[in-house]
Structure formats: structure tokens, C-alpha cells
Amino acid sequence: MRVSKEALTLSVVVRRVRTGATPFGWELLRAGAPAPVKVSTERFYSMEAAYQVGQTHLVDLIKKRPRPSAPMV
């Protein structure tokens, strides 16, 4: 699978967003953007669990983006 330049600007960030048994959430960020592309509403018990779900959402987002068509020769 070829990775687009846009996909390379996206990343998953895990943050502690509250206290308690499930304090972690993830965000999808685009380099240089003032706001996240997507933020989890679900909370997770560990940073690893939040990261894994965030990665899944990142892959889904990249797959849904339209790809530029190849030039006709």
C-alpha cells in the first residue's frame, strides 16, 4: 500500500483526560492544524488500549480519503 503525503501528516496522540479507572483518550492530529481531526468519546484503562483504538480509527480515516487518480497518458 502506498502512503500519501497527507497520511504522513496524521498522528495518534493519547492523553490523560480525566481521573478514575478509565482516564485515557486518543486524538487524531494533523501536523500544523489548530484543532484535532477526531477525538475519542470513549475512555480507556490504559494508554496502550487507547493507542490501539486510535490507530484503528487513523487507518480507517486514511482508507476513506479519496485518492488522486493517475494521470492519463
PDB file of N, CA and C in Angstrom:
ATOM      1  N   MET A   1       0.845  -1.174   0.000  1.00  0.00           N
ATOM      2  CA  MET A   1       0.000   0.000   0.000  1.00  0.00           C
ATOM      3  C   MET A   1       0.888   1.234   0.000  1.00  0.00           C
ATOM      4  N   ARG A   2       0.592   2.161  -0.868  1.00  0.00           N
ATOM      5  CA  ARG A   2       1.347   3.392  -0.962  1.00  0.00           C
ATOM      6  C   ARG A   2       0.779   4.409   0.030  1.00  0.00           C
ATOM      7  N   VAL A   3       1.650   5.078   0.757  1.00  0.00           N
ATOM      8  CA  VAL A   3       1.220   6.046   1.764  1.00  0.00           C
ATOM      9  C   VAL A   3       1.253   7.445   1.155  1.00  0.00           C
ATOM     10  N   SER A   4       0.161   8.182   1.301  1.00  0.00           N
ATOM     11  CA  SER A   4       0.087   9.535   0.758  1.00  0.00           C
ATOM     12  C   SER A   4       0.808  10.521   1.676  1.00  0.00           C
ATOM     13  N   LYS A   5       1.142  11.673   1.124  1.00  0.00           N
ATOM     14  CA  LYS A   5       1.767  12.725   1.939  1.00  0.00           C
ATOM     15  C   LYS A   5       0.830  13.177   3.041  1.00  0.00           C
ATOM     16  N   GLU A   6      -0.485  13.228   2.736  1.00  0.00           N
ATOM     17  CA  GLU A   6      -1.454  13.632   3.750  1.00  0.00           C
ATOM     18  C   GLU A   6      -1.470  12.651   4.912  1.00  0.00           C
ATOM     19  N   ALA A   7      -1.394  11.361   4.619  1.00  0.00           N
ATOM     20  CA  ALA A   7      -1.398  10.348   5.680  1.00  0.00           C
ATOM     21  C   ALA A   7      -0.191  10.513   6.587  1.00  0.00           C
ATOM     22  N   LEU A   8       0.919  10.960   6.033  1.00  0.00           N
ATOM     23  CA  LEU A   8       2.125  11.147   6.839  1.00  0.00           C
ATOM     24  C   LEU A   8       2.013  12.325   7.802  1.00  0.00           C
ATOM     25  N   THR A   9       1.060  13.220   7.590  1.00  0.00           N
ATOM     26  CA  THR A   9       0.887  14.361   8.489  1.00  0.00           C
ATOM     27  C   THR A   9      -0.065  14.049   9.634  1.00  0.00           C
ATOM     28  N   LEU A  10      -0.695  12.885   9.619  1.00  0.00           N
ATOM     29  CA  LEU A  10      -1.641  12.497  10.665  1.00  0.00           C
ATOM     30  C   LEU A  10      -0.965  11.644  11.723  1.00  0.00           C
ATOM     31  N   SER A  11      -1.393  11.818  12.978  1.00  0.00           N
ATOM     32  CA  SER A  11      -0.827  11.000  14.057  1.00  0.00           C
ATOM     33  C   SER A  11      -1.865  10.791  15.154  1.00  0.00           C
ATOM     34  N   VAL A  12      -1.623   9.768  15.971  1.00  0.00           N
ATOM     35  CA  VAL A  12      -2.470   9.463  17.120  1.00  0.00           C
ATOM     36  C   VAL A  12      -1.752   9.966  18.367  1.00  0.00           C
ATOM     37  N   VAL A  13      -2.469  10.711  19.187  1.00  0.00           N
ATOM     38  CA  VAL A  13      -1.932  11.188  20.457  1.00  0.00           C
ATOM     39  C   VAL A  13      -2.853  10.682  21.555  1.00  0.00           C
ATOM     40  N   VAL A  14      -2.262  10.094  22.596  1.00  0.00           N
ATOM     41  CA  VAL A  14      -3.029   9.607  23.742  1.00  0.00           C
ATOM     42  C   VAL A  14      -2.797  10.573  24.893  1.00  0.00           C
ATOM     43  N   ARG A  15      -3.888  10.944  25.558  1.00  0.00           N
ATOM     44  CA  ARG A  15      -3.804  11.883  26.679  1.00  0.00           C
ATOM     45  C   ARG A  15      -4.616  11.363  27.865  1.00  0.00           C
ATOM     46  N   ARG A  16      -4.176  11.772  29.053  1.00  0.00           N
ATOM     47  CA  ARG A  16      -4.997  11.548  30.249  1.00  0.00           C
ATOM     48  C   ARG A  16      -6.014  12.679  30.250  1.00  0.00           C
ATOM     49  N   VAL A  17      -7.293  12.332  30.136  1.00  0.00           N
ATOM     50  CA  VAL A  17      -8.326  13.347  30.012  1.00  0.00           C
ATOM     51  C   VAL A  17      -9.230  13.473  31.238  1.00  0.00           C
ATOM     52  N   ARG A  18      -9.070  12.540  32.165  1.00  0.00           N
ATOM     53  CA  ARG A  18      -9.816  12.626  33.427  1.00  0.00           C
ATOM     54  C   ARG A  18      -9.179  11.685  34.436  1.00  0.00           C
ATOM     55  N   THR A  19      -9.707  11.620  35.642  1.00  0.00           N
ATOM     56  CA  THR A  19      -9.214  10.699  36.660  1.00  0.00           C
ATOM     57  C   THR A  19     -10.164   9.515  36.754  1.00  0.00           C
ATOM     58  N   GLY A  20      -9.745   8.494  37.482  1.00  0.00           N
ATOM     59  CA  GLY A  20     -10.600   7.325  37.659  1.00  0.00           C
ATOM     60  C   GLY A  20     -10.027   6.097  36.983  1.00  0.00           C
ATOM     61  N   ALA A  21     -10.867   5.090  36.800  1.00  0.00           N
ATOM     62  CA  ALA A  21     -10.429   3.798  36.259  1.00  0.00           C
ATOM     63  C   ALA A  21     -10.139   3.851  34.766  1.00  0.00           C
ATOM     64  N   THR A  22     -10.744   4.782  34.049  1.00  0.00           N
ATOM     65  CA  THR A  22     -10.533   4.896  32.594  1.00  0.00           C
ATOM     66  C   THR A  22     -10.177   6.345  32.241  1.00  0.00           C
ATOM     67  N   PRO A  23      -8.938   6.738  32.492  1.00  0.00           N
ATOM     68  CA  PRO A  23      -8.582   8.147  32.323  1.00  0.00           C
ATOM     69  C   PRO A  23      -8.076   8.560  30.938  1.00  0.00           C
ATOM     70  N   PHE A  24      -7.847   7.606  30.029  1.00  0.00           N
ATOM     71  CA  PHE A  24      -7.168   7.931  28.775  1.00  0.00           C
ATOM     72  C   PHE A  24      -8.111   8.034  27.587  1.00  0.00           C
ATOM     73  N   GLY A  25      -7.764   8.929  26.675  1.00  0.00           N
ATOM     74  CA  GLY A  25      -8.480   9.086  25.419  1.00  0.00           C
ATOM     75  C   GLY A  25      -7.473   9.358  24.318  1.00  0.00           C
ATOM     76  N   TRP A  26      -7.892   9.245  23.077  1.00  0.00           N
ATOM     77  CA  TRP A  26      -6.998   9.492  21.942  1.00  0.00           C
ATOM     78  C   TRP A  26      -7.529  10.623  21.085  1.00  0.00           C
ATOM     79  N   GLU A  27      -6.629  11.231  20.311  1.00  0.00           N
ATOM     80  CA  GLU A  27      -6.971  12.266  19.344  1.00  0.00           C
ATOM     81  C   GLU A  27      -6.212  11.976  18.057  1.00  0.00           C
ATOM     82  N   LEU A  28      -6.826  12.267  16.917  1.00  0.00           N
ATOM     83  CA  LEU A  28      -6.127  12.218  15.641  1.00  0.00           C
ATOM     84  C   LEU A  28      -5.760  13.653  15.302  1.00  0.00           C
ATOM     85  N   LEU A  29      -4.463  13.901  15.147  1.00  0.00           N
ATOM     86  CA  LEU A  29      -3.967  15.245  14.881  1.00  0.00           C
ATOM     87  C   LEU A  29      -3.320  15.322  13.513  1.00  0.00           C
ATOM     88  N   ARG A  30      -3.477  16.467  12.878  1.00  0.00           N
ATOM     89  CA  ARG A  30      -2.788  16.757  11.611  1.00  0.00           C
ATOM     90  C   ARG A  30      -1.721  17.792  11.926  1.00  0.00           C
ATOM     91  N   ALA A  31      -0.514  17.562  11.459  1.00  0.00           N
ATOM     92  CA  ALA A  31       0.596  18.473  11.719  1.00  0.00           C
ATOM     93  C   ALA A  31       0.220  19.886  11.290  1.00  0.00           C
ATOM     94  N   GLY A  32       0.394  20.839  12.192  1.00  0.00           N
ATOM     95  CA  GLY A  32       0.136  22.238  11.886  1.00  0.00           C
ATOM     96  C   GLY A  32      -1.310  22.669  11.993  1.00  0.00           C
ATOM     97  N   ALA A  33      -2.228  21.750  12.241  1.00  0.00           N
ATOM     98  CA  ALA A  33      -3.649  22.104  12.346  1.00  0.00           C
ATOM     99  C   ALA A  33      -3.947  22.620  13.750  1.00  0.00           C
ATOM    100  N   PRO A  34      -4.833  23.610  13.866  1.00  0.00           N
ATOM    101  CA  PRO A  34      -5.126  24.183  15.180  1.00  0.00           C
ATOM    102  C   PRO A  34      -6.019  23.298  16.059  1.00  0.00           C
ATOM    103  N   ALA A  35      -6.750  22.365  15.448  1.00  0.00           N
ATOM    104  CA  ALA A  35      -7.671  21.515  16.209  1.00  0.00           C
ATOM    105  C   ALA A  35      -7.526  20.070  15.750  1.00  0.00           C
ATOM    106  N   PRO A  36      -7.862  19.115  16.635  1.00  0.00           N
ATOM    107  CA  PRO A  36      -7.798  17.703  16.249  1.00  0.00           C
ATOM    108  C   PRO A  36      -8.760  17.377  15.108  1.00  0.00           C
ATOM    109  N   VAL A  37      -8.407  16.372  14.317  1.00  0.00           N
ATOM    110  CA  VAL A  37      -9.270  15.888  13.249  1.00  0.00           C
ATOM    111  C   VAL A  37     -10.422  15.090  13.848  1.00  0.00           C
ATOM    112  N   LYS A  38     -10.115  14.287  14.862  1.00  0.00           N
ATOM    113  CA  LYS A  38     -11.119  13.450  15.524  1.00  0.00           C
ATOM    114  C   LYS A  38     -10.676  13.211  16.954  1.00  0.00           C
ATOM    115  N   VAL A  39     -11.635  13.151  17.887  1.00  0.00           N
ATOM    116  CA  VAL A  39     -11.346  12.938  19.302  1.00  0.00           C
ATOM    117  C   VAL A  39     -12.236  11.805  19.808  1.00  0.00           C
ATOM    118  N   SER A  40     -11.652  10.908  20.595  1.00  0.00           N
ATOM    119  CA  SER A  40     -12.440   9.786  21.116  1.00  0.00           C
ATOM    120  C   SER A  40     -13.423  10.266  22.176  1.00  0.00           C
ATOM    121  N   THR A  41     -14.607   9.680  22.158  1.00  0.00           N
ATOM    122  CA  THR A  41     -15.573   9.924  23.225  1.00  0.00           C
ATOM    123  C   THR A  41     -15.474   8.812  24.268  1.00  0.00           C
ATOM    124  N   GLU A  42     -14.910   7.690  23.849  1.00  0.00           N
ATOM    125  CA  GLU A  42     -14.717   6.546  24.733  1.00  0.00           C
ATOM    126  C   GLU A  42     -13.463   6.770  25.573  1.00  0.00           C
ATOM    127  N   ARG A  43     -13.443   6.253  26.790  1.00  0.00           N
ATOM    128  CA  ARG A  43     -12.276   6.358  27.673  1.00  0.00           C
ATOM    129  C   ARG A  43     -11.710   4.959  27.904  1.00  0.00           C
ATOM    130  N   PHE A  44     -10.401   4.886  28.179  1.00  0.00           N
ATOM    131  CA  PHE A  44      -9.689   3.613  28.248  1.00  0.00           C
ATOM    132  C   PHE A  44      -8.906   3.495  29.551  1.00  0.00           C
ATOM    133  N   TYR A  45      -8.696   2.253  29.981  1.00  0.00           N
ATOM    134  CA  TYR A  45      -7.994   1.985  31.229  1.00  0.00           C
ATOM    135  C   TYR A  45      -6.485   2.141  31.101  1.00  0.00           C
ATOM    136  N   SER A  46      -5.961   2.043  29.883  1.00  0.00           N
ATOM    137  CA  SER A  46      -4.510   2.174  29.697  1.00  0.00           C
ATOM    138  C   SER A  46      -4.200   2.997  28.450  1.00  0.00           C
ATOM    139  N   MET A  47      -3.000   3.537  28.423  1.00  0.00           N
ATOM    140  CA  MET A  47      -2.553   4.292  27.258  1.00  0.00           C
ATOM    141  C   MET A  47      -2.465   3.376  26.037  1.00  0.00           C
ATOM    142  N   GLU A  48      -2.017   2.150  26.243  1.00  0.00           N
ATOM    143  CA  GLU A  48      -1.878   1.193  25.135  1.00  0.00           C
ATOM    144  C   GLU A  48      -3.236   0.881  24.501  1.00  0.00           C
ATOM    145  N   ALA A  49      -4.256   0.665  25.334  1.00  0.00           N
ATOM    146  CA  ALA A  49      -5.598   0.378  24.804  1.00  0.00           C
ATOM    147  C   ALA A  49      -6.121   1.569  24.002  1.00  0.00           C
ATOM    148  N   ALA A  50      -5.928   2.774  24.507  1.00  0.00           N
ATOM    149  CA  ALA A  50      -6.367   3.975  23.790  1.00  0.00           C
ATOM    150  C   ALA A  50      -5.608   4.112  22.475  1.00  0.00           C
ATOM    151  N   TYR A  51      -4.312   3.845  22.491  1.00  0.00           N
ATOM    152  CA  TYR A  51      -3.494   3.966  21.287  1.00  0.00           C
ATOM    153  C   TYR A  51      -3.939   2.974  20.212  1.00  0.00           C
ATOM    154  N   GLN A  52      -4.205   1.743  20.601  1.00  0.00           N
ATOM    155  CA  GLN A  52      -4.617   0.722  19.636  1.00  0.00           C
ATOM    156  C   GLN A  52      -5.924   1.109  18.939  1.00  0.00           C
ATOM    157  N   VAL A  53      -6.894   1.600  19.690  1.00  0.00           N
ATOM    158  CA  VAL A  53      -8.172   2.010  19.093  1.00  0.00           C
ATOM    159  C   VAL A  53      -7.966   3.258  18.239  1.00  0.00           C
ATOM    160  N   GLY A  54      -7.140   4.194  18.701  1.00  0.00           N
ATOM    161  CA  GLY A  54      -6.830   5.379  17.911  1.00  0.00           C
ATOM    162  C   GLY A  54      -6.169   5.024  16.589  1.00  0.00           C
ATOM    163  N   GLN A  55      -5.262   4.057  16.607  1.00  0.00           N
ATOM    164  CA  GLN A  55      -4.604   3.596  15.371  1.00  0.00           C
ATOM    165  C   GLN A  55      -5.622   3.027  14.397  1.00  0.00           C
ATOM    166  N   THR A  56      -6.583   2.279  14.898  1.00  0.00           N
ATOM    167  CA  THR A  56      -7.630   1.716  14.055  1.00  0.00           C
ATOM    168  C   THR A  56      -8.432   2.826  13.378  1.00  0.00           C
ATOM    169  N   HIS A  57      -8.770   3.860  14.128  1.00  0.00           N
ATOM    170  CA  HIS A  57      -9.507   4.992  13.557  1.00  0.00           C
ATOM    171  C   HIS A  57      -8.652   5.749  12.541  1.00  0.00           C
ATOM    172  N   LEU A  58      -7.360   5.846  12.788  1.00  0.00           N
ATOM    173  CA  LEU A  58      -6.455   6.511  11.856  1.00  0.00           C
ATOM    174  C   LEU A  58      -6.402   5.761  10.526  1.00  0.00           C
ATOM    175  N   VAL A  59      -6.271   4.460  10.580  1.00  0.00           N
ATOM    176  CA  VAL A  59      -6.238   3.643   9.356  1.00  0.00           C
ATOM    177  C   VAL A  59      -7.557   3.777   8.605  1.00  0.00           C
ATOM    178  N   ASP A  60      -8.681   3.737   9.324  1.00  0.00           N
ATOM    179  CA  ASP A  60      -9.992   3.894   8.682  1.00  0.00           C
ATOM    180  C   ASP A  60     -10.113   5.256   8.007  1.00  0.00           C
ATOM    181  N   LEU A  61      -9.632   6.309   8.653  1.00  0.00           N
ATOM    182  CA  LEU A  61      -9.686   7.650   8.090  1.00  0.00           C
ATOM    183  C   LEU A  61      -8.858   7.736   6.814  1.00  0.00           C
ATOM    184  N   ILE A  62      -7.676   7.160   6.826  1.00  0.00           N
ATOM    185  CA  ILE A  62      -6.798   7.190   5.657  1.00  0.00           C
ATOM    186  C   ILE A  62      -7.422   6.413   4.501  1.00  0.00           C
ATOM    187  N   LYS A  63      -8.033   5.273   4.790  1.00  0.00           N
ATOM    188  CA  LYS A  63      -8.655   4.457   3.742  1.00  0.00           C
ATOM    189  C   LYS A  63      -9.856   5.154   3.108  1.00  0.00           C
ATOM    190  N   LYS A  64     -10.581   5.978   3.877  1.00  0.00           N
ATOM    191  CA  LYS A  64     -11.780   6.641   3.376  1.00  0.00           C
ATOM    192  C   LYS A  64     -11.460   7.863   2.529  1.00  0.00           C
ATOM    193  N   ARG A  65     -10.268   8.407   2.644  1.00  0.00           N
ATOM    194  CA  ARG A  65      -9.898   9.603   1.878  1.00  0.00           C
ATOM    195  C   ARG A  65      -9.818   9.269   0.403  1.00  0.00           C
ATOM    196  N   PRO A  66     -10.364  10.129  -0.454  1.00  0.00           N
ATOM    197  CA  PRO A  66     -10.233   9.865  -1.901  1.00  0.00           C
ATOM    198  C   PRO A  66      -8.783   9.997  -2.335  1.00  0.00           C
ATOM    199  N   ARG A  67      -8.370   9.100  -3.190  1.00  0.00           N
ATOM    200  CA  ARG A  67      -7.002   9.136  -3.725  1.00  0.00           C
ATOM    201  C   ARG A  67      -7.017   9.842  -5.066  1.00  0.00           C
ATOM    202  N   PRO A  68      -5.988  10.631  -5.325  1.00  0.00           N
ATOM    203  CA  PRO A  68      -5.926  11.254  -6.651  1.00  0.00           C
ATOM    204  C   PRO A  68      -5.762  10.181  -7.726  1.00  0.00           C
ATOM    205  N   SER A  69      -6.461  10.375  -8.817  1.00  0.00           N
ATOM    206  CA  SER A  69      -6.348   9.382  -9.890  1.00  0.00           C
ATOM    207  C   SER A  69      -5.063   9.578 -10.663  1.00  0.00           C
ATOM    208  N   ALA A  70      -4.609   8.501 -11.264  1.00  0.00           N
ATOM    209  CA  ALA A  70      -3.365   8.541 -12.044  1.00  0.00           C
ATOM    210  C   ALA A  70      -3.605   9.334 -13.317  1.00  0.00           C
ATOM    211  N   PRO A  71      -2.612  10.111 -13.754  1.00  0.00           N
ATOM    212  CA  PRO A  71      -2.785  10.882 -14.980  1.00  0.00           C
ATOM    213  C   PRO A  71      -2.910   9.953 -16.201  1.00  0.00           C
ATOM    214  N   MET A  72      -3.767  10.330 -17.114  1.00  0.00           N
ATOM    215  CA  MET A  72      -3.962   9.558 -18.336  1.00  0.00           C
ATOM    216  C   MET A  72      -2.854   9.951 -19.324  1.00  0.00           C
ATOM    217  N   VAL A  73      -2.252   8.977 -19.950  1.00  0.00           N
ATOM    218  CA  VAL A  73      -1.185   9.242 -20.908  1.00  0.00           C
ATOM    219  C   VAL A  73      -1.665   8.994 -22.310  1.00  0.00           C
TER     220      VAL A  73
END
